[in-house]
């Protein structure tokens, strides 16, 4: 098979398992702001922008007007009490291969830029082009994140149909589809059926499985 022209990666749930990193920051920020415990994280908000997640947590206790305060405090806690996320299988193999083949690749995430930079640095990951939620006017599910990344990697609109986008959330899969790219599901939190229904052309359990598929 002919290799795609480029590979775009979501971060949380594709490159790393960062649930603990994010949820502990939400929990400690929520407790500092409201002096009460936070509710469990809703699966429906996986992959959504941090501002929407903050709005959800505030709405549960009827404190919607503090949404931005919680968003900013969580970002601060995420940085100060930084927990290195767990690297998922296949990331190093995949990026080494893409670098060797000179195939452009990068990250576009709804996570904050500082968290992405901290994670890439601590895990010594080979990603030089990284975009976070502050880099877009409209976060995923809007396609802006992936269009911004593709253009930064030197692609134009005519190339988009030849680019693979690795996503674990329905939010991100929608963004890739709306960008006119090829969504590839990573089944870390949604089933193969759910990801395919959202638009994933192929679904793998990890990037390692996707890498092995391409090597065949």
C-alpha atoms as a PDB file:
ATOM      1  CA  UNK A   1       0.000   0.000   0.000  1.00  0.00           C
ATOM      2  CA  UNK A   2       1.081   3.583  -0.599  1.00  0.00           C
ATOM      3  CA  UNK A   3       1.872   5.408   2.616  1.00  0.00           C
ATOM      4  CA  UNK A   4      -0.180   8.461   3.570  1.00  0.00           C
ATOM      5  CA  UNK A   5       1.516  11.822   2.864  1.00  0.00           C
ATOM      6  CA  UNK A   6       1.332  12.882   6.496  1.00  0.00           C
ATOM      7  CA  UNK A   7       0.306  11.734   9.976  1.00  0.00           C
ATOM      8  CA  UNK A   8      -1.437  13.932  12.536  1.00  0.00           C
ATOM      9  CA  UNK A   9      -1.788  12.816  16.134  1.00  0.00           C
ATOM     10  CA  UNK A  10      -4.137  13.734  18.925  1.00  0.00           C
ATOM     11  CA  UNK A  11      -2.285  13.532  22.258  1.00  0.00           C
ATOM     12  CA  UNK A  12      -4.381  12.321  25.213  1.00  0.00           C
ATOM     13  CA  UNK A  13      -5.496   8.729  24.628  1.00  0.00           C
ATOM     14  CA  UNK A  14      -3.365   8.313  21.482  1.00  0.00           C
ATOM     15  CA  UNK A  15       0.213   9.180  22.457  1.00  0.00           C
ATOM     16  CA  UNK A  16      -0.239   9.077  26.244  1.00  0.00           C
ATOM     17  CA  UNK A  17      -2.656   7.960  28.930  1.00  0.00           C
ATOM     18  CA  UNK A  18      -2.990  11.269  30.754  1.00  0.00           C
ATOM     19  CA  UNK A  19      -6.254  10.717  32.605  1.00  0.00           C
ATOM     20  CA  UNK A  20      -4.575  10.814  36.042  1.00  0.00           C
ATOM     21  CA  UNK A  21      -2.570  13.941  35.161  1.00  0.00           C
ATOM     22  CA  UNK A  22      -5.676  15.879  34.105  1.00  0.00           C
ATOM     23  CA  UNK A  23      -8.180  14.558  36.618  1.00  0.00           C
ATOM     24  CA  UNK A  24      -5.921  15.159  39.626  1.00  0.00           C
ATOM     25  CA  UNK A  25      -5.437  18.781  38.449  1.00  0.00           C
ATOM     26  CA  UNK A  26      -9.214  19.217  37.987  1.00  0.00           C
ATOM     27  CA  UNK A  27      -9.791  17.707  41.457  1.00  0.00           C
ATOM     28  CA  UNK A  28      -7.267  19.861  43.318  1.00  0.00           C
ATOM     29  CA  UNK A  29      -8.307  23.062  41.480  1.00  0.00           C
ATOM     30  CA  UNK A  30     -12.003  22.332  42.133  1.00  0.00           C
ATOM     31  CA  UNK A  31     -11.323  21.729  45.819  1.00  0.00           C
ATOM     32  CA  UNK A  32      -9.286  24.949  46.135  1.00  0.00           C
ATOM     33  CA  UNK A  33     -11.996  26.994  44.423  1.00  0.00           C
ATOM     34  CA  UNK A  34     -15.163  25.465  45.898  1.00  0.00           C
ATOM     35  CA  UNK A  35     -13.952  23.637  49.069  1.00  0.00           C
ATOM     36  CA  UNK A  36     -15.729  20.448  47.991  1.00  0.00           C
ATOM     37  CA  UNK A  37     -14.958  17.230  46.104  1.00  0.00           C
ATOM     38  CA  UNK A  38     -15.324  17.045  42.340  1.00  0.00           C
ATOM     39  CA  UNK A  39     -17.679  14.585  40.583  1.00  0.00           C
ATOM     40  CA  UNK A  40     -16.325  11.737  38.383  1.00  0.00           C
ATOM     41  CA  UNK A  41     -15.162  12.716  34.910  1.00  0.00           C
ATOM     42  CA  UNK A  42     -17.941  12.287  32.308  1.00  0.00           C
ATOM     43  CA  UNK A  43     -16.998  10.073  29.340  1.00  0.00           C
ATOM     44  CA  UNK A  44     -19.190  12.310  27.165  1.00  0.00           C
ATOM     45  CA  UNK A  45     -16.596  15.101  27.590  1.00  0.00           C
ATOM     46  CA  UNK A  46     -13.546  13.075  26.524  1.00  0.00           C
ATOM     47  CA  UNK A  47     -11.506  15.057  23.998  1.00  0.00           C
ATOM     48  CA  UNK A  48     -13.502  18.256  24.503  1.00  0.00           C
ATOM     49  CA  UNK A  49     -11.853  21.606  25.195  1.00  0.00           C
ATOM     50  CA  UNK A  50     -10.846  22.307  28.836  1.00  0.00           C
ATOM     51  CA  UNK A  51     -13.247  25.272  28.934  1.00  0.00           C
ATOM     52  CA  UNK A  52     -16.225  22.983  28.161  1.00  0.00           C
ATOM     53  CA  UNK A  53     -15.024  20.509  30.799  1.00  0.00           C
ATOM     54  CA  UNK A  54     -14.725  23.352  33.343  1.00  0.00           C
ATOM     55  CA  UNK A  55     -18.251  24.469  32.429  1.00  0.00           C
ATOM     56  CA  UNK A  56     -19.543  20.935  33.083  1.00  0.00           C
ATOM     57  CA  UNK A  57     -17.899  20.619  36.511  1.00  0.00           C
ATOM     58  CA  UNK A  58     -19.177  24.078  37.550  1.00  0.00           C
ATOM     59  CA  UNK A  59     -22.715  23.352  36.305  1.00  0.00           C
ATOM     60  CA  UNK A  60     -22.961  20.267  38.545  1.00  0.00           C
ATOM     61  CA  UNK A  61     -22.874  22.531  41.622  1.00  0.00           C
ATOM     62  CA  UNK A  62     -24.668  25.482  40.013  1.00  0.00           C
ATOM     63  CA  UNK A  63     -21.542  27.679  39.800  1.00  0.00           C
ATOM     64  CA  UNK A  64     -21.436  28.266  36.047  1.00  0.00           C
ATOM     65  CA  UNK A  65     -20.153  31.833  36.497  1.00  0.00           C
ATOM     66  CA  UNK A  66     -16.865  30.409  37.846  1.00  0.00           C
ATOM     67  CA  UNK A  67     -16.140  28.412  34.659  1.00  0.00           C
ATOM     68  CA  UNK A  68     -13.209  30.551  33.544  1.00  0.00           C
ATOM     69  CA  UNK A  69     -11.778  30.663  37.080  1.00  0.00           C
ATOM     70  CA  UNK A  70     -11.790  26.866  37.258  1.00  0.00           C
ATOM     71  CA  UNK A  71     -10.291  26.570  33.761  1.00  0.00           C
ATOM     72  CA  UNK A  72      -7.377  28.909  34.668  1.00  0.00           C
ATOM     73  CA  UNK A  73      -6.782  27.329  38.079  1.00  0.00           C
ATOM     74  CA  UNK A  74      -6.781  23.812  36.623  1.00  0.00           C
ATOM     75  CA  UNK A  75      -4.175  24.879  34.057  1.00  0.00           C
ATOM     76  CA  UNK A  76      -2.052  26.294  36.896  1.00  0.00           C
ATOM     77  CA  UNK A  77      -2.381  23.068  38.944  1.00  0.00           C
ATOM     78  CA  UNK A  78      -1.560  20.978  35.859  1.00  0.00           C
ATOM     79  CA  UNK A  79       1.713  22.887  35.536  1.00  0.00           C
ATOM     80  CA  UNK A  80       2.680  23.228  39.230  1.00  0.00           C
ATOM     81  CA  UNK A  81       1.754  19.656  40.214  1.00  0.00           C
ATOM     82  CA  UNK A  82       2.765  18.193  36.843  1.00  0.00           C
ATOM     83  CA  UNK A  83       2.334  14.424  36.668  1.00  0.00           C
ATOM     84  CA  UNK A  84       4.148  12.789  33.752  1.00  0.00           C
ATOM     85  CA  UNK A  85       1.520  10.912  31.714  1.00  0.00           C
ATOM     86  CA  UNK A  86       2.026   7.256  30.771  1.00  0.00           C
ATOM     87  CA  UNK A  87       3.417   6.702  27.275  1.00  0.00           C
ATOM     88  CA  UNK A  88       1.238   4.400  25.169  1.00  0.00           C
ATOM     89  CA  UNK A  89       2.696   1.584  23.006  1.00  0.00           C
ATOM     90  CA  UNK A  90       4.144   2.279  19.555  1.00  0.00           C
ATOM     91  CA  UNK A  91       4.850   6.021  19.821  1.00  0.00           C
ATOM     92  CA  UNK A  92       8.653   5.813  19.631  1.00  0.00           C
ATOM     93  CA  UNK A  93       8.586   3.215  16.833  1.00  0.00           C
ATOM     94  CA  UNK A  94       6.110   5.273  14.814  1.00  0.00           C
ATOM     95  CA  UNK A  95       7.905   8.621  15.139  1.00  0.00           C
ATOM     96  CA  UNK A  96      11.321   7.036  14.423  1.00  0.00           C
ATOM     97  CA  UNK A  97       9.907   5.510  11.232  1.00  0.00           C
ATOM     98  CA  UNK A  98       8.274   8.765  10.091  1.00  0.00           C
ATOM     99  CA  UNK A  99      11.473  10.738  10.745  1.00  0.00           C
ATOM    100  CA  UNK A 100      13.497   8.178   8.794  1.00  0.00           C
ATOM    101  CA  UNK A 101      11.063   8.267   5.856  1.00  0.00           C
ATOM    102  CA  UNK A 102      10.866  12.100   6.042  1.00  0.00           C
ATOM    103  CA  UNK A 103       7.064  11.961   6.327  1.00  0.00           C
ATOM    104  CA  UNK A 104       5.690  15.086   8.087  1.00  0.00           C
ATOM    105  CA  UNK A 105       3.908  14.547  11.394  1.00  0.00           C
ATOM    106  CA  UNK A 106       2.796  16.511  14.456  1.00  0.00           C
ATOM    107  CA  UNK A 107       0.335  16.896  17.319  1.00  0.00           C
ATOM    108  CA  UNK A 108      -2.929  18.867  17.467  1.00  0.00           C
ATOM    109  CA  UNK A 109      -4.658  18.539  20.823  1.00  0.00           C
ATOM    110  CA  UNK A 110      -7.409  20.170  22.854  1.00  0.00           C
ATOM    111  CA  UNK A 111      -5.008  20.014  25.827  1.00  0.00           C
ATOM    112  CA  UNK A 112      -3.172  23.175  26.855  1.00  0.00           C
ATOM    113  CA  UNK A 113       0.150  24.034  25.206  1.00  0.00           C
ATOM    114  CA  UNK A 114       2.108  23.968  28.484  1.00  0.00           C
ATOM    115  CA  UNK A 115       0.908  20.451  29.328  1.00  0.00           C
ATOM    116  CA  UNK A 116       1.909  19.233  25.851  1.00  0.00           C
ATOM    117  CA  UNK A 117       5.354  20.865  26.091  1.00  0.00           C
ATOM    118  CA  UNK A 118       5.947  19.463  29.611  1.00  0.00           C
ATOM    119  CA  UNK A 119       4.898  15.966  28.511  1.00  0.00           C
ATOM    120  CA  UNK A 120       6.972  15.951  25.303  1.00  0.00           C
ATOM    121  CA  UNK A 121       9.986  17.189  27.282  1.00  0.00           C
ATOM    122  CA  UNK A 122       9.716  14.711  30.198  1.00  0.00           C
ATOM    123  CA  UNK A 123       8.976  11.709  27.978  1.00  0.00           C
ATOM    124  CA  UNK A 124      11.704  12.774  25.485  1.00  0.00           C
ATOM    125  CA  UNK A 125       9.287  12.426  22.561  1.00  0.00           C
ATOM    126  CA  UNK A 126      10.263  13.152  18.989  1.00  0.00           C
ATOM    127  CA  UNK A 127       7.538  15.723  18.220  1.00  0.00           C
ATOM    128  CA  UNK A 128       8.720  19.146  17.050  1.00  0.00           C
ATOM    129  CA  UNK A 129       5.392  20.503  15.739  1.00  0.00           C
ATOM    130  CA  UNK A 130       2.847  20.676  18.552  1.00  0.00           C
ATOM    131  CA  UNK A 131      -0.417  22.648  18.753  1.00  0.00           C
ATOM    132  CA  UNK A 132      -2.593  23.055  21.858  1.00  0.00           C
ATOM    133  CA  UNK A 133      -5.998  24.560  22.579  1.00  0.00           C
ATOM    134  CA  UNK A 134      -4.631  28.131  22.831  1.00  0.00           C
ATOM    135  CA  UNK A 135      -3.524  27.906  19.171  1.00  0.00           C
ATOM    136  CA  UNK A 136      -7.060  27.793  17.737  1.00  0.00           C
ATOM    137  CA  UNK A 137     -10.046  30.113  17.777  1.00  0.00           C
ATOM    138  CA  UNK A 138     -12.332  27.074  17.700  1.00  0.00           C
ATOM    139  CA  UNK A 139     -11.189  23.807  19.360  1.00  0.00           C
ATOM    140  CA  UNK A 140     -12.231  20.323  18.229  1.00  0.00           C
ATOM    141  CA  UNK A 141     -14.814  19.177  17.046  1.00  0.00           C
ATOM    142  CA  UNK A 142     -14.191  22.176  14.753  1.00  0.00           C
ATOM    143  CA  UNK A 143     -11.621  21.180  12.066  1.00  0.00           C
ATOM    144  CA  UNK A 144      -9.370  24.223  12.706  1.00  0.00           C
ATOM    145  CA  UNK A 145      -6.891  22.268  14.884  1.00  0.00           C
ATOM    146  CA  UNK A 146      -6.042  19.745  12.158  1.00  0.00           C
ATOM    147  CA  UNK A 147      -6.115  22.297   9.332  1.00  0.00           C
ATOM    148  CA  UNK A 148      -3.698  24.513  11.331  1.00  0.00           C
ATOM    149  CA  UNK A 149      -1.322  21.599  11.956  1.00  0.00           C
ATOM    150  CA  UNK A 150      -1.452  20.332   8.348  1.00  0.00           C
ATOM    151  CA  UNK A 151      -0.641  23.806   6.993  1.00  0.00           C
ATOM    152  CA  UNK A 152       2.222  24.195   9.494  1.00  0.00           C
ATOM    153  CA  UNK A 153       3.637  20.915   8.154  1.00  0.00           C
ATOM    154  CA  UNK A 154       3.568  22.301   4.606  1.00  0.00           C
ATOM    155  CA  UNK A 155       0.383  20.705   3.286  1.00  0.00           C
ATOM    156  CA  UNK A 156      -2.303  22.468   1.262  1.00  0.00           C
ATOM    157  CA  UNK A 157      -6.002  21.626   0.963  1.00  0.00           C
ATOM    158  CA  UNK A 158      -5.410  19.267  -1.981  1.00  0.00           C
ATOM    159  CA  UNK A 159      -3.241  17.060   0.276  1.00  0.00           C
ATOM    160  CA  UNK A 160      -5.785  16.718   3.085  1.00  0.00           C
ATOM    161  CA  UNK A 161      -7.457  13.591   1.670  1.00  0.00           C
ATOM    162  CA  UNK A 162      -4.061  11.789   1.857  1.00  0.00           C
ATOM    163  CA  UNK A 163      -3.416  12.544   5.551  1.00  0.00           C
ATOM    164  CA  UNK A 164      -4.114  10.110   8.400  1.00  0.00           C
ATOM    165  CA  UNK A 165      -5.337  11.517  11.725  1.00  0.00           C
ATOM    166  CA  UNK A 166      -5.071   9.349  14.853  1.00  0.00           C
ATOM    167  CA  UNK A 167      -7.914  10.023  17.307  1.00  0.00           C
ATOM    168  CA  UNK A 168      -9.378   8.278  20.341  1.00  0.00           C
ATOM    169  CA  UNK A 169     -12.371  10.576  20.895  1.00  0.00           C
ATOM    170  CA  UNK A 170     -15.570  11.152  18.949  1.00  0.00           C
ATOM    171  CA  UNK A 171     -14.912  14.905  19.249  1.00  0.00           C
ATOM    172  CA  UNK A 172     -11.535  14.612  17.516  1.00  0.00           C
ATOM    173  CA  UNK A 173     -12.746  12.087  14.948  1.00  0.00           C
ATOM    174  CA  UNK A 174     -15.414  14.583  13.894  1.00  0.00           C
ATOM    175  CA  UNK A 175     -12.740  17.310  13.598  1.00  0.00           C
ATOM    176  CA  UNK A 176     -10.576  15.129  11.332  1.00  0.00           C
ATOM    177  CA  UNK A 177     -13.559  14.197   9.173  1.00  0.00           C
ATOM    178  CA  UNK A 178     -14.658  17.846   8.824  1.00  0.00           C
ATOM    179  CA  UNK A 179     -11.080  18.759   7.832  1.00  0.00           C
ATOM    180  CA  UNK A 180     -11.396  16.349   4.882  1.00  0.00           C
ATOM    181  CA  UNK A 181      -8.698  14.035   6.264  1.00  0.00           C
ATOM    182  CA  UNK A 182      -8.724  10.293   7.045  1.00  0.00           C
ATOM    183  CA  UNK A 183      -9.708   9.623  10.687  1.00  0.00           C
ATOM    184  CA  UNK A 184      -8.033   6.548  12.190  1.00  0.00           C
ATOM    185  CA  UNK A 185      -9.431   5.403  15.531  1.00  0.00           C
ATOM    186  CA  UNK A 186      -7.399   4.375  18.565  1.00  0.00           C
ATOM    187  CA  UNK A 187      -9.735   2.397  20.826  1.00  0.00           C
ATOM    188  CA  UNK A 188      -8.546   3.545  24.255  1.00  0.00           C
ATOM    189  CA  UNK A 189     -11.939   4.793  25.432  1.00  0.00           C
ATOM    190  CA  UNK A 190     -14.487   4.152  22.676  1.00  0.00           C
ATOM    191  CA  UNK A 191     -15.277   0.874  20.934  1.00  0.00           C
ATOM    192  CA  UNK A 192     -14.424   0.144  17.310  1.00  0.00           C
ATOM    193  CA  UNK A 193     -18.132   0.432  16.439  1.00  0.00           C
ATOM    194  CA  UNK A 194     -18.447   3.860  18.124  1.00  0.00           C
ATOM    195  CA  UNK A 195     -15.313   5.202  16.424  1.00  0.00           C
ATOM    196  CA  UNK A 196     -16.381   3.887  13.014  1.00  0.00           C
ATOM    197  CA  UNK A 197     -19.823   5.397  13.443  1.00  0.00           C
ATOM    198  CA  UNK A 198     -18.139   8.763  14.131  1.00  0.00           C
ATOM    199  CA  UNK A 199     -16.131   8.423  10.905  1.00  0.00           C
ATOM    200  CA  UNK A 200     -12.990   6.364  11.593  1.00  0.00           C
ATOM    201  CA  UNK A 201     -11.903   4.490   8.464  1.00  0.00           C
ATOM    202  CA  UNK A 202      -9.770   2.008  10.425  1.00  0.00           C
ATOM    203  CA  UNK A 203      -9.541   1.332  14.169  1.00  0.00           C
ATOM    204  CA  UNK A 204      -6.523   0.017  16.116  1.00  0.00           C
ATOM    205  CA  UNK A 205      -6.051  -0.732  19.802  1.00  0.00           C
ATOM    206  CA  UNK A 206      -2.769   1.245  19.945  1.00  0.00           C
ATOM    207  CA  UNK A 207      -0.359   3.127  17.699  1.00  0.00           C
ATOM    208  CA  UNK A 208       1.870   0.044  17.841  1.00  0.00           C
ATOM    209  CA  UNK A 209      -0.850  -1.977  16.106  1.00  0.00           C
ATOM    210  CA  UNK A 210      -1.263   0.804  13.507  1.00  0.00           C
ATOM    211  CA  UNK A 211       2.523   0.895  12.955  1.00  0.00           C
ATOM    212  CA  UNK A 212       2.640  -2.897  12.454  1.00  0.00           C
ATOM    213  CA  UNK A 213      -0.270  -2.646   9.982  1.00  0.00           C
ATOM    214  CA  UNK A 214       1.644  -0.064   7.923  1.00  0.00           C
ATOM    215  CA  UNK A 215       4.842  -2.116   8.022  1.00  0.00           C
ATOM    216  CA  UNK A 216       3.014  -4.997   6.323  1.00  0.00           C
END
